[in-house]
């Protein structure tokens, strides 16, 4: 279970990397995609840290048992 949580963290980082790359590509345009990729970038970075914090709490709780 913990390994699965670790992989989902890195999945969010991959989404953030792709979204950040597309966001940089679209900076000079007047596209609505720019906003969409910006939101994906921010949310995926936030989810990475949220999942990481949750996993560490879960590991700490399992060590205590």
PDB file of N, CA and C in Angstrom:
ATOM      1  N   UNK A   1       0.828  -1.202   0.000  1.00  0.00           N
ATOM      2  CA  UNK A   1       0.000   0.000   0.000  1.00  0.00           C
ATOM      3  C   UNK A   1       0.864   1.254   0.000  1.00  0.00           C
ATOM      4  N   UNK A   2       1.918   1.261   0.799  1.00  0.00           N
ATOM      5  CA  UNK A   2       2.761   2.448   0.885  1.00  0.00           C
ATOM      6  C   UNK A   2       3.506   2.673  -0.425  1.00  0.00           C
ATOM      7  N   UNK A   3       3.912   1.574  -1.097  1.00  0.00           N
ATOM      8  CA  UNK A   3       4.594   1.732  -2.384  1.00  0.00           C
ATOM      9  C   UNK A   3       3.672   2.374  -3.407  1.00  0.00           C
ATOM     10  N   UNK A   4       2.393   2.016  -3.369  1.00  0.00           N
ATOM     11  CA  UNK A   4       1.432   2.623  -4.286  1.00  0.00           C
ATOM     12  C   UNK A   4       1.304   4.118  -4.017  1.00  0.00           C
ATOM     13  N   UNK A   5       1.283   4.506  -2.760  1.00  0.00           N
ATOM     14  CA  UNK A   5       1.205   5.925  -2.416  1.00  0.00           C
ATOM     15  C   UNK A   5       2.439   6.678  -2.905  1.00  0.00           C
ATOM     16  N   UNK A   6       3.589   6.024  -2.833  1.00  0.00           N
ATOM     17  CA  UNK A   6       4.821   6.662  -3.295  1.00  0.00           C
ATOM     18  C   UNK A   6       4.781   6.882  -4.816  1.00  0.00           C
ATOM     19  N   UNK A   7       4.232   5.906  -5.554  1.00  0.00           N
ATOM     20  CA  UNK A   7       4.148   6.045  -7.010  1.00  0.00           C
ATOM     21  C   UNK A   7       3.172   7.152  -7.408  1.00  0.00           C
ATOM     22  N   UNK A   8       2.088   7.302  -6.663  1.00  0.00           N
ATOM     23  CA  UNK A   8       1.141   8.356  -7.013  1.00  0.00           C
ATOM     24  C   UNK A   8       1.750   9.745  -6.793  1.00  0.00           C
ATOM     25  N   UNK A   9       2.652   9.850  -5.825  1.00  0.00           N
ATOM     26  CA  UNK A   9       3.347  11.128  -5.628  1.00  0.00           C
ATOM     27  C   UNK A   9       4.113  11.505  -6.891  1.00  0.00           C
ATOM     28  N   UNK A  10       4.838  10.545  -7.433  1.00  0.00           N
ATOM     29  CA  UNK A  10       5.641  10.821  -8.617  1.00  0.00           C
ATOM     30  C   UNK A  10       4.777  11.021  -9.858  1.00  0.00           C
ATOM     31  N   UNK A  11       3.598  10.433  -9.876  1.00  0.00           N
ATOM     32  CA  UNK A  11       2.670  10.675 -10.974  1.00  0.00           C
ATOM     33  C   UNK A  11       2.251  12.147 -10.989  1.00  0.00           C
ATOM     34  N   UNK A  12       1.985  12.689  -9.811  1.00  0.00           N
ATOM     35  CA  UNK A  12       1.640  14.108  -9.724  1.00  0.00           C
ATOM     36  C   UNK A  12       2.805  14.995 -10.168  1.00  0.00           C
ATOM     37  N   UNK A  13       4.027  14.596  -9.853  1.00  0.00           N
ATOM     38  CA  UNK A  13       5.189  15.364 -10.308  1.00  0.00           C
ATOM     39  C   UNK A  13       5.336  15.321 -11.822  1.00  0.00           C
ATOM     40  N   UNK A  14       5.032  14.169 -12.423  1.00  0.00           N
ATOM     41  CA  UNK A  14       5.096  14.077 -13.889  1.00  0.00           C
ATOM     42  C   UNK A  14       4.048  14.974 -14.540  1.00  0.00           C
ATOM     43  N   UNK A  15       2.858  15.004 -13.964  1.00  0.00           N
ATOM     44  CA  UNK A  15       1.808  15.891 -14.486  1.00  0.00           C
ATOM     45  C   UNK A  15       2.238  17.346 -14.338  1.00  0.00           C
ATOM     46  N   UNK A  16       2.854  17.685 -13.215  1.00  0.00           N
ATOM     47  CA  UNK A  16       3.332  19.050 -12.992  1.00  0.00           C
ATOM     48  C   UNK A  16       4.413  19.421 -14.001  1.00  0.00           C
ATOM     49  N   UNK A  17       5.324  18.497 -14.259  1.00  0.00           N
ATOM     50  CA  UNK A  17       6.390  18.759 -15.221  1.00  0.00           C
ATOM     51  C   UNK A  17       5.817  19.002 -16.616  1.00  0.00           C
ATOM     52  N   UNK A  18       4.911  18.125 -17.045  1.00  0.00           N
ATOM     53  CA  UNK A  18       4.298  18.275 -18.363  1.00  0.00           C
ATOM     54  C   UNK A  18       3.496  19.580 -18.447  1.00  0.00           C
ATOM     55  N   UNK A  19       2.732  19.880 -17.416  1.00  0.00           N
ATOM     56  CA  UNK A  19       1.921  21.093 -17.418  1.00  0.00           C
ATOM     57  C   UNK A  19       2.796  22.338 -17.409  1.00  0.00           C
ATOM     58  N   UNK A  20       3.876  22.306 -16.639  1.00  0.00           N
ATOM     59  CA  UNK A  20       4.793  23.442 -16.612  1.00  0.00           C
ATOM     60  C   UNK A  20       5.467  23.650 -17.956  1.00  0.00           C
ATOM     61  N   UNK A  21       5.834  22.559 -18.611  1.00  0.00           N
ATOM     62  CA  UNK A  21       6.445  22.638 -19.943  1.00  0.00           C
ATOM     63  C   UNK A  21       5.478  23.255 -20.950  1.00  0.00           C
ATOM     64  N   UNK A  22       4.232  22.765 -20.944  1.00  0.00           N
ATOM     65  CA  UNK A  22       3.225  23.312 -21.875  1.00  0.00           C
ATOM     66  C   UNK A  22       2.906  24.768 -21.527  1.00  0.00           C
ATOM     67  N   UNK A  23       2.899  25.093 -20.259  1.00  0.00           N
ATOM     68  CA  UNK A  23       2.628  26.467 -19.838  1.00  0.00           C
ATOM     69  C   UNK A  23       3.705  27.403 -20.368  1.00  0.00           C
ATOM     70  N   UNK A  24       4.952  26.996 -20.282  1.00  0.00           N
ATOM     71  CA  UNK A  24       6.054  27.815 -20.794  1.00  0.00           C
ATOM     72  C   UNK A  24       5.958  27.959 -22.310  1.00  0.00           C
ATOM     73  N   UNK A  25       5.572  26.869 -22.988  1.00  0.00           N
ATOM     74  CA  UNK A  25       5.404  26.941 -24.445  1.00  0.00           C
ATOM     75  C   UNK A  25       4.304  27.920 -24.850  1.00  0.00           C
ATOM     76  N   UNK A  26       3.258  28.005 -24.051  1.00  0.00           N
ATOM     77  CA  UNK A  26       2.084  28.813 -24.404  1.00  0.00           C
ATOM     78  C   UNK A  26       2.125  30.231 -23.838  1.00  0.00           C
ATOM     79  N   UNK A  27       3.221  30.645 -23.212  1.00  0.00           N
ATOM     80  CA  UNK A  27       3.260  31.963 -22.574  1.00  0.00           C
ATOM     81  C   UNK A  27       3.032  33.117 -23.546  1.00  0.00           C
ATOM     82  N   UNK A  28       3.481  33.015 -24.757  1.00  0.00           N
ATOM     83  CA  UNK A  28       3.333  34.120 -25.696  1.00  0.00           C
ATOM     84  C   UNK A  28       2.025  34.134 -26.454  1.00  0.00           C
ATOM     85  N   UNK A  29       1.125  33.208 -26.176  1.00  0.00           N
ATOM     86  CA  UNK A  29      -0.117  33.116 -26.933  1.00  0.00           C
ATOM     87  C   UNK A  29      -1.292  33.653 -26.122  1.00  0.00           C
ATOM     88  N   UNK A  30      -2.387  33.835 -26.785  1.00  0.00           N
ATOM     89  CA  UNK A  30      -3.624  34.284 -26.134  1.00  0.00           C
ATOM     90  C   UNK A  30      -4.595  33.113 -25.986  1.00  0.00           C
ATOM     91  N   UNK A  31      -4.082  31.959 -25.644  1.00  0.00           N
ATOM     92  CA  UNK A  31      -4.879  30.737 -25.582  1.00  0.00           C
ATOM     93  C   UNK A  31      -5.447  30.515 -24.182  1.00  0.00           C
ATOM     94  N   UNK A  32      -6.634  29.888 -24.144  1.00  0.00           N
ATOM     95  CA  UNK A  32      -7.215  29.506 -22.863  1.00  0.00           C
ATOM     96  C   UNK A  32      -6.504  28.284 -22.280  1.00  0.00           C
ATOM     97  N   UNK A  33      -5.766  27.576 -23.117  1.00  0.00           N
ATOM     98  CA  UNK A  33      -5.004  26.427 -22.638  1.00  0.00           C
ATOM     99  C   UNK A  33      -3.965  26.856 -21.610  1.00  0.00           C
ATOM    100  N   UNK A  34      -3.490  28.060 -21.739  1.00  0.00           N
ATOM    101  CA  UNK A  34      -2.492  28.588 -20.809  1.00  0.00           C
ATOM    102  C   UNK A  34      -3.020  28.567 -19.383  1.00  0.00           C
ATOM    103  N   UNK A  35      -4.246  28.989 -19.207  1.00  0.00           N
ATOM    104  CA  UNK A  35      -4.880  28.976 -17.887  1.00  0.00           C
ATOM    105  C   UNK A  35      -5.089  27.546 -17.402  1.00  0.00           C
ATOM    106  N   UNK A  36      -5.531  26.677 -18.288  1.00  0.00           N
ATOM    107  CA  UNK A  36      -5.774  25.285 -17.935  1.00  0.00           C
ATOM    108  C   UNK A  36      -4.490  24.602 -17.460  1.00  0.00           C
ATOM    109  N   UNK A  37      -3.399  24.768 -18.200  1.00  0.00           N
ATOM    110  CA  UNK A  37      -2.147  24.144 -17.807  1.00  0.00           C
ATOM    111  C   UNK A  37      -1.562  24.802 -16.550  1.00  0.00           C
ATOM    112  N   UNK A  38      -1.816  26.076 -16.366  1.00  0.00           N
ATOM    113  CA  UNK A  38      -1.382  26.736 -15.139  1.00  0.00           C
ATOM    114  C   UNK A  38      -2.084  26.174 -13.913  1.00  0.00           C
ATOM    115  N   UNK A  39      -3.378  25.934 -14.046  1.00  0.00           N
ATOM    116  CA  UNK A  39      -4.147  25.351 -12.945  1.00  0.00           C
ATOM    117  C   UNK A  39      -3.678  23.926 -12.675  1.00  0.00           C
ATOM    118  N   UNK A  40      -3.485  23.138 -13.739  1.00  0.00           N
ATOM    119  CA  UNK A  40      -2.975  21.770 -13.565  1.00  0.00           C
ATOM    120  C   UNK A  40      -1.624  21.779 -12.867  1.00  0.00           C
ATOM    121  N   UNK A  41      -0.770  22.710 -13.224  1.00  0.00           N
ATOM    122  CA  UNK A  41       0.562  22.792 -12.622  1.00  0.00           C
ATOM    123  C   UNK A  41       0.460  23.058 -11.123  1.00  0.00           C
ATOM    124  N   UNK A  42      -0.317  24.043 -10.750  1.00  0.00           N
ATOM    125  CA  UNK A  42      -0.445  24.415  -9.335  1.00  0.00           C
ATOM    126  C   UNK A  42      -1.113  23.303  -8.531  1.00  0.00           C
ATOM    127  N   UNK A  43      -2.178  22.734  -9.072  1.00  0.00           N
ATOM    128  CA  UNK A  43      -2.901  21.681  -8.346  1.00  0.00           C
ATOM    129  C   UNK A  43      -2.043  20.434  -8.198  1.00  0.00           C
ATOM    130  N   UNK A  44      -1.317  20.057  -9.240  1.00  0.00           N
ATOM    131  CA  UNK A  44      -0.508  18.841  -9.142  1.00  0.00           C
ATOM    132  C   UNK A  44       0.654  19.014  -8.169  1.00  0.00           C
ATOM    133  N   UNK A  45       1.248  20.195  -8.104  1.00  0.00           N
ATOM    134  CA  UNK A  45       2.294  20.442  -7.103  1.00  0.00           C
ATOM    135  C   UNK A  45       1.693  20.371  -5.695  1.00  0.00           C
ATOM    136  N   UNK A  46       0.528  20.963  -5.517  1.00  0.00           N
ATOM    137  CA  UNK A  46      -0.150  20.896  -4.222  1.00  0.00           C
ATOM    138  C   UNK A  46      -0.516  19.477  -3.832  1.00  0.00           C
ATOM    139  N   UNK A  47      -0.990  18.696  -4.787  1.00  0.00           N
ATOM    140  CA  UNK A  47      -1.337  17.311  -4.508  1.00  0.00           C
ATOM    141  C   UNK A  47      -0.100  16.473  -4.190  1.00  0.00           C
ATOM    142  N   UNK A  48       1.024  16.778  -4.829  1.00  0.00           N
ATOM    143  CA  UNK A  48       2.262  16.067  -4.516  1.00  0.00           C
ATOM    144  C   UNK A  48       2.616  16.245  -3.048  1.00  0.00           C
ATOM    145  N   UNK A  49       2.606  17.488  -2.578  1.00  0.00           N
ATOM    146  CA  UNK A  49       2.969  17.734  -1.183  1.00  0.00           C
ATOM    147  C   UNK A  49       1.921  17.187  -0.215  1.00  0.00           C
ATOM    148  N   UNK A  50       0.650  17.250  -0.597  1.00  0.00           N
ATOM    149  CA  UNK A  50      -0.407  16.694   0.241  1.00  0.00           C
ATOM    150  C   UNK A  50      -0.246  15.184   0.364  1.00  0.00           C
ATOM    151  N   UNK A  51      -0.046  14.490  -0.758  1.00  0.00           N
ATOM    152  CA  UNK A  51       0.135  13.039  -0.745  1.00  0.00           C
ATOM    153  C   UNK A  51       1.394  12.639   0.016  1.00  0.00           C
ATOM    154  N   UNK A  52       2.445  13.412  -0.151  1.00  0.00           N
ATOM    155  CA  UNK A  52       3.703  13.096   0.540  1.00  0.00           C
ATOM    156  C   UNK A  52       3.513  13.196   2.053  1.00  0.00           C
ATOM    157  N   UNK A  53       2.850  14.260   2.478  1.00  0.00           N
ATOM    158  CA  UNK A  53       2.578  14.442   3.901  1.00  0.00           C
ATOM    159  C   UNK A  53       1.700  13.312   4.433  1.00  0.00           C
ATOM    160  N   UNK A  54       0.681  12.933   3.684  1.00  0.00           N
ATOM    161  CA  UNK A  54      -0.231  11.870   4.080  1.00  0.00           C
ATOM    162  C   UNK A  54       0.521  10.542   4.178  1.00  0.00           C
ATOM    163  N   UNK A  55       1.395  10.241   3.215  1.00  0.00           N
ATOM    164  CA  UNK A  55       2.153   8.994   3.228  1.00  0.00           C
ATOM    165  C   UNK A  55       3.078   8.925   4.440  1.00  0.00           C
ATOM    166  N   UNK A  56       3.741  10.039   4.735  1.00  0.00           N
ATOM    167  CA  UNK A  56       4.652  10.051   5.886  1.00  0.00           C
ATOM    168  C   UNK A  56       3.898   9.849   7.190  1.00  0.00           C
ATOM    169  N   UNK A  57       2.727  10.432   7.326  1.00  0.00           N
ATOM    170  CA  UNK A  57       1.911  10.214   8.518  1.00  0.00           C
ATOM    171  C   UNK A  57       1.483   8.759   8.615  1.00  0.00           C
ATOM    172  N   UNK A  58       1.135   8.173   7.465  1.00  0.00           N
ATOM    173  CA  UNK A  58       0.718   6.782   7.425  1.00  0.00           C
ATOM    174  C   UNK A  58       1.864   5.861   7.828  1.00  0.00           C
ATOM    175  N   UNK A  59       3.075   6.137   7.322  1.00  0.00           N
ATOM    176  CA  UNK A  59       4.246   5.335   7.680  1.00  0.00           C
ATOM    177  C   UNK A  59       4.560   5.462   9.164  1.00  0.00           C
ATOM    178  N   UNK A  60       4.458   6.665   9.687  1.00  0.00           N
ATOM    179  CA  UNK A  60       4.727   6.900  11.100  1.00  0.00           C
ATOM    180  C   UNK A  60       3.724   6.146  11.972  1.00  0.00           C
ATOM    181  N   UNK A  61       2.482   6.143  11.563  1.00  0.00           N
ATOM    182  CA  UNK A  61       1.443   5.439  12.330  1.00  0.00           C
ATOM    183  C   UNK A  61       1.665   3.927  12.290  1.00  0.00           C
ATOM    184  N   UNK A  62       2.097   3.400  11.124  1.00  0.00           N
ATOM    185  CA  UNK A  62       2.350   1.960  11.028  1.00  0.00           C
ATOM    186  C   UNK A  62       3.565   1.536  11.847  1.00  0.00           C
ATOM    187  N   UNK A  63       4.573   2.401  11.958  1.00  0.00           N
ATOM    188  CA  UNK A  63       5.740   2.082  12.772  1.00  0.00           C
ATOM    189  C   UNK A  63       5.390   2.059  14.233  1.00  0.00           C
ATOM    190  N   UNK A  64       4.427   2.861  14.618  1.00  0.00           N
ATOM    191  CA  UNK A  64       4.000   2.919  16.015  1.00  0.00           C
ATOM    192  C   UNK A  64       3.215   1.706  16.450  1.00  0.00           C
ATOM    193  N   UNK A  65       2.645   0.969  15.515  1.00  0.00           N
ATOM    194  CA  UNK A  65       1.838  -0.209  15.875  1.00  0.00           C
ATOM    195  C   UNK A  65       2.674  -1.375  16.142  1.00  0.00           C
TER     196      UNK A  65
END
